[in-house]
């Protein structure tokens, strides 16, 4: 089972966060940079991915982290705020 860690304070926009997720999860080049696209990609995996959150960030990034957390949970992953 894969586990990734994000620190929302490192990103100034949700797009930057999604770019980081794309790299960490080796998502395809056509990844749509949104929660629906993330859900599609995670739902195709044979094993869930866990998400550890160091900091949710602020503003739009914090909102994106919240939505992304739900996507990970919906796909069987464990989400922990550290």
N, C-alpha and C. Protein backbone atom coordinates (compact mmCIF):
# COMPACT_ATOMS: atom_id res chain seq x y z
N UNK A 1 0.85 -1.18 0.00
CA UNK A 1 0.00 0.00 0.00
C UNK A 1 0.89 1.24 0.00
N UNK A 2 0.58 2.17 -0.88
CA UNK A 2 1.35 3.40 -0.99
C UNK A 2 0.81 4.44 -0.03
N UNK A 3 1.71 5.24 0.53
CA UNK A 3 1.34 6.37 1.37
C UNK A 3 2.07 7.60 0.86
N UNK A 4 1.32 8.68 0.68
CA UNK A 4 1.96 9.94 0.30
C UNK A 4 1.73 10.96 1.40
N UNK A 5 2.58 11.97 1.44
CA UNK A 5 2.50 13.01 2.45
C UNK A 5 2.45 14.36 1.74
N UNK A 6 1.51 15.20 2.16
CA UNK A 6 1.44 16.54 1.59
C UNK A 6 1.50 17.59 2.70
N UNK A 7 2.04 18.72 2.34
CA UNK A 7 2.10 19.89 3.21
C UNK A 7 1.47 21.03 2.43
N UNK A 8 0.21 21.28 2.70
CA UNK A 8 -0.54 22.29 1.97
C UNK A 8 0.05 23.67 2.04
N UNK A 9 0.84 23.95 3.07
CA UNK A 9 1.45 25.28 3.19
C UNK A 9 2.51 25.52 2.11
N UNK A 10 2.92 24.47 1.41
CA UNK A 10 3.92 24.61 0.35
C UNK A 10 3.32 25.03 -0.98
N UNK A 11 1.99 25.07 -1.08
CA UNK A 11 1.33 25.35 -2.35
C UNK A 11 0.52 26.63 -2.25
N UNK A 12 0.56 27.42 -3.32
CA UNK A 12 -0.19 28.66 -3.30
C UNK A 12 -1.52 28.56 -4.05
N UNK A 13 -1.67 27.49 -4.84
CA UNK A 13 -2.93 27.29 -5.58
C UNK A 13 -3.28 25.80 -5.58
N UNK A 14 -4.55 25.48 -5.75
CA UNK A 14 -4.93 24.07 -5.88
C UNK A 14 -4.24 23.40 -7.08
N UNK A 15 -3.99 24.15 -8.15
CA UNK A 15 -3.31 23.58 -9.31
C UNK A 15 -1.91 23.09 -8.92
N UNK A 16 -1.18 23.88 -8.13
CA UNK A 16 0.14 23.45 -7.68
C UNK A 16 0.05 22.16 -6.86
N UNK A 17 -0.98 22.07 -6.03
CA UNK A 17 -1.21 20.86 -5.24
C UNK A 17 -1.45 19.67 -6.16
N UNK A 18 -2.28 19.85 -7.16
CA UNK A 18 -2.57 18.76 -8.09
C UNK A 18 -1.34 18.38 -8.92
N UNK A 19 -0.51 19.35 -9.26
CA UNK A 19 0.73 19.03 -9.96
C UNK A 19 1.62 18.14 -9.09
N UNK A 20 1.66 18.45 -7.79
CA UNK A 20 2.45 17.63 -6.87
C UNK A 20 1.86 16.22 -6.75
N UNK A 21 0.54 16.13 -6.65
CA UNK A 21 -0.11 14.82 -6.59
C UNK A 21 0.16 14.03 -7.86
N UNK A 22 0.13 14.70 -8.99
CA UNK A 22 0.40 14.04 -10.27
C UNK A 22 1.79 13.39 -10.24
N UNK A 23 2.75 14.12 -9.71
CA UNK A 23 4.11 13.59 -9.65
C UNK A 23 4.23 12.47 -8.61
N UNK A 24 3.71 12.70 -7.41
CA UNK A 24 3.84 11.72 -6.33
C UNK A 24 3.16 10.39 -6.67
N UNK A 25 2.05 10.46 -7.38
CA UNK A 25 1.27 9.27 -7.69
C UNK A 25 1.54 8.73 -9.09
N UNK A 26 2.44 9.37 -9.81
CA UNK A 26 2.75 8.97 -11.20
C UNK A 26 1.47 8.89 -12.03
N UNK A 27 0.69 9.96 -11.96
CA UNK A 27 -0.57 10.00 -12.71
C UNK A 27 -0.29 10.27 -14.18
N UNK A 28 -1.21 9.88 -15.06
CA UNK A 28 -0.98 10.03 -16.50
C UNK A 28 -0.90 11.50 -16.93
N UNK A 29 -0.32 11.71 -18.08
CA UNK A 29 -0.15 13.07 -18.61
C UNK A 29 -1.49 13.78 -18.81
N UNK A 30 -2.55 13.02 -19.03
CA UNK A 30 -3.87 13.62 -19.26
C UNK A 30 -4.66 13.87 -17.97
N UNK A 31 -3.99 13.70 -16.81
CA UNK A 31 -4.65 13.96 -15.52
C UNK A 31 -5.27 15.35 -15.53
N UNK A 32 -6.54 15.44 -15.17
CA UNK A 32 -7.31 16.68 -15.28
C UNK A 32 -7.15 17.71 -14.18
N UNK A 33 -6.27 17.46 -13.23
CA UNK A 33 -5.97 18.45 -12.17
C UNK A 33 -7.20 18.87 -11.36
N UNK A 34 -8.07 17.90 -11.04
CA UNK A 34 -9.22 18.20 -10.19
C UNK A 34 -9.63 16.93 -9.45
N UNK A 35 -10.54 17.08 -8.52
CA UNK A 35 -10.94 15.96 -7.67
C UNK A 35 -11.58 14.82 -8.46
N UNK A 36 -12.37 15.15 -9.47
CA UNK A 36 -13.00 14.10 -10.27
C UNK A 36 -11.96 13.26 -11.01
N UNK A 37 -10.96 13.93 -11.56
CA UNK A 37 -9.89 13.22 -12.26
C UNK A 37 -9.08 12.37 -11.29
N UNK A 38 -8.83 12.91 -10.09
CA UNK A 38 -8.11 12.15 -9.07
C UNK A 38 -8.90 10.91 -8.69
N UNK A 39 -10.20 11.07 -8.51
CA UNK A 39 -11.05 9.93 -8.18
C UNK A 39 -10.97 8.86 -9.27
N UNK A 40 -11.03 9.28 -10.52
CA UNK A 40 -10.94 8.33 -11.63
C UNK A 40 -9.63 7.55 -11.58
N UNK A 41 -8.53 8.26 -11.33
CA UNK A 41 -7.21 7.61 -11.30
C UNK A 41 -7.08 6.66 -10.10
N UNK A 42 -7.54 7.11 -8.93
CA UNK A 42 -7.41 6.26 -7.74
C UNK A 42 -8.33 5.05 -7.81
N UNK A 43 -9.48 5.21 -8.44
CA UNK A 43 -10.42 4.09 -8.52
C UNK A 43 -9.92 2.97 -9.43
N UNK A 44 -8.96 3.27 -10.29
CA UNK A 44 -8.40 2.26 -11.18
C UNK A 44 -7.26 1.47 -10.55
N UNK A 45 -6.82 1.89 -9.37
CA UNK A 45 -5.71 1.20 -8.71
C UNK A 45 -6.20 -0.05 -8.00
N UNK A 46 -5.32 -1.03 -7.92
CA UNK A 46 -5.69 -2.28 -7.25
C UNK A 46 -5.57 -2.17 -5.74
N UNK A 47 -4.78 -1.22 -5.25
CA UNK A 47 -4.64 -1.02 -3.80
C UNK A 47 -4.88 0.44 -3.47
N UNK A 48 -5.47 0.70 -2.31
CA UNK A 48 -5.70 2.09 -1.90
C UNK A 48 -4.39 2.82 -1.63
N UNK A 49 -4.48 4.12 -1.66
CA UNK A 49 -3.35 4.99 -1.33
C UNK A 49 -3.72 5.77 -0.08
N UNK A 50 -2.81 5.78 0.90
CA UNK A 50 -3.03 6.55 2.12
C UNK A 50 -2.49 7.96 1.93
N UNK A 51 -3.07 8.90 2.66
CA UNK A 51 -2.67 10.30 2.60
C UNK A 51 -2.39 10.82 4.00
N UNK A 52 -1.17 11.28 4.21
CA UNK A 52 -0.79 11.92 5.47
C UNK A 52 -0.70 13.42 5.18
N UNK A 53 -1.33 14.22 6.02
CA UNK A 53 -1.37 15.67 5.81
C UNK A 53 -0.60 16.35 6.94
N UNK A 54 0.49 17.02 6.56
CA UNK A 54 1.28 17.76 7.55
C UNK A 54 0.60 19.08 7.91
N UNK A 55 0.05 19.74 6.88
CA UNK A 55 -0.59 21.04 7.05
C UNK A 55 -1.58 21.17 5.90
N UNK A 56 -2.79 21.61 6.19
CA UNK A 56 -3.80 21.74 5.13
C UNK A 56 -3.60 22.99 4.28
N UNK A 57 -2.79 23.92 4.73
CA UNK A 57 -2.62 25.16 4.00
C UNK A 57 -3.73 26.14 4.35
N UNK A 58 -3.93 27.11 3.46
CA UNK A 58 -4.93 28.14 3.72
C UNK A 58 -5.76 28.40 2.46
N UNK A 59 -6.91 29.01 2.65
CA UNK A 59 -7.74 29.45 1.54
C UNK A 59 -8.15 28.33 0.60
N UNK A 60 -7.96 28.58 -0.70
CA UNK A 60 -8.36 27.62 -1.73
C UNK A 60 -7.59 26.31 -1.63
N UNK A 61 -6.34 26.39 -1.19
CA UNK A 61 -5.55 25.16 -1.04
C UNK A 61 -6.13 24.30 0.07
N UNK A 62 -6.50 24.90 1.19
CA UNK A 62 -7.10 24.15 2.29
C UNK A 62 -8.41 23.50 1.85
N UNK A 63 -9.19 24.20 1.06
CA UNK A 63 -10.44 23.63 0.54
C UNK A 63 -10.14 22.45 -0.37
N UNK A 64 -9.12 22.59 -1.20
CA UNK A 64 -8.73 21.50 -2.11
C UNK A 64 -8.24 20.29 -1.32
N UNK A 65 -7.47 20.53 -0.26
CA UNK A 65 -6.97 19.42 0.57
C UNK A 65 -8.14 18.67 1.20
N UNK A 66 -9.15 19.40 1.63
CA UNK A 66 -10.33 18.78 2.22
C UNK A 66 -11.04 17.88 1.21
N UNK A 67 -11.24 18.37 0.01
CA UNK A 67 -11.91 17.59 -1.04
C UNK A 67 -11.05 16.39 -1.43
N UNK A 68 -9.76 16.61 -1.58
CA UNK A 68 -8.84 15.53 -1.95
C UNK A 68 -8.84 14.45 -0.88
N UNK A 69 -8.90 14.85 0.38
CA UNK A 69 -8.95 13.88 1.48
C UNK A 69 -10.14 12.95 1.33
N UNK A 70 -11.28 13.52 0.99
CA UNK A 70 -12.48 12.70 0.79
C UNK A 70 -12.31 11.73 -0.37
N UNK A 71 -11.64 12.17 -1.42
CA UNK A 71 -11.41 11.30 -2.57
C UNK A 71 -10.55 10.10 -2.15
N UNK A 72 -9.50 10.36 -1.36
CA UNK A 72 -8.66 9.25 -0.89
C UNK A 72 -9.47 8.30 -0.01
N UNK A 73 -10.29 8.84 0.89
CA UNK A 73 -11.13 8.00 1.76
C UNK A 73 -12.11 7.18 0.94
N UNK A 74 -12.76 7.84 -0.04
CA UNK A 74 -13.75 7.16 -0.87
C UNK A 74 -13.13 5.99 -1.65
N UNK A 75 -11.83 6.04 -1.85
CA UNK A 75 -11.15 4.99 -2.59
C UNK A 75 -10.38 4.05 -1.67
N UNK A 76 -10.76 4.01 -0.40
CA UNK A 76 -10.23 3.03 0.53
C UNK A 76 -8.96 3.44 1.26
N UNK A 77 -8.48 4.65 1.01
CA UNK A 77 -7.26 5.11 1.68
C UNK A 77 -7.54 5.63 3.08
N UNK A 78 -6.49 5.64 3.88
CA UNK A 78 -6.56 6.22 5.22
C UNK A 78 -5.97 7.62 5.14
N UNK A 79 -6.67 8.58 5.73
CA UNK A 79 -6.20 9.96 5.74
C UNK A 79 -5.91 10.34 7.18
N UNK A 80 -4.69 10.82 7.42
CA UNK A 80 -4.30 11.27 8.76
C UNK A 80 -3.78 12.68 8.70
N UNK A 81 -4.22 13.49 9.64
CA UNK A 81 -3.65 14.82 9.81
C UNK A 81 -2.61 14.73 10.90
N UNK A 82 -1.39 15.04 10.55
CA UNK A 82 -0.28 14.88 11.51
C UNK A 82 -0.03 16.17 12.28
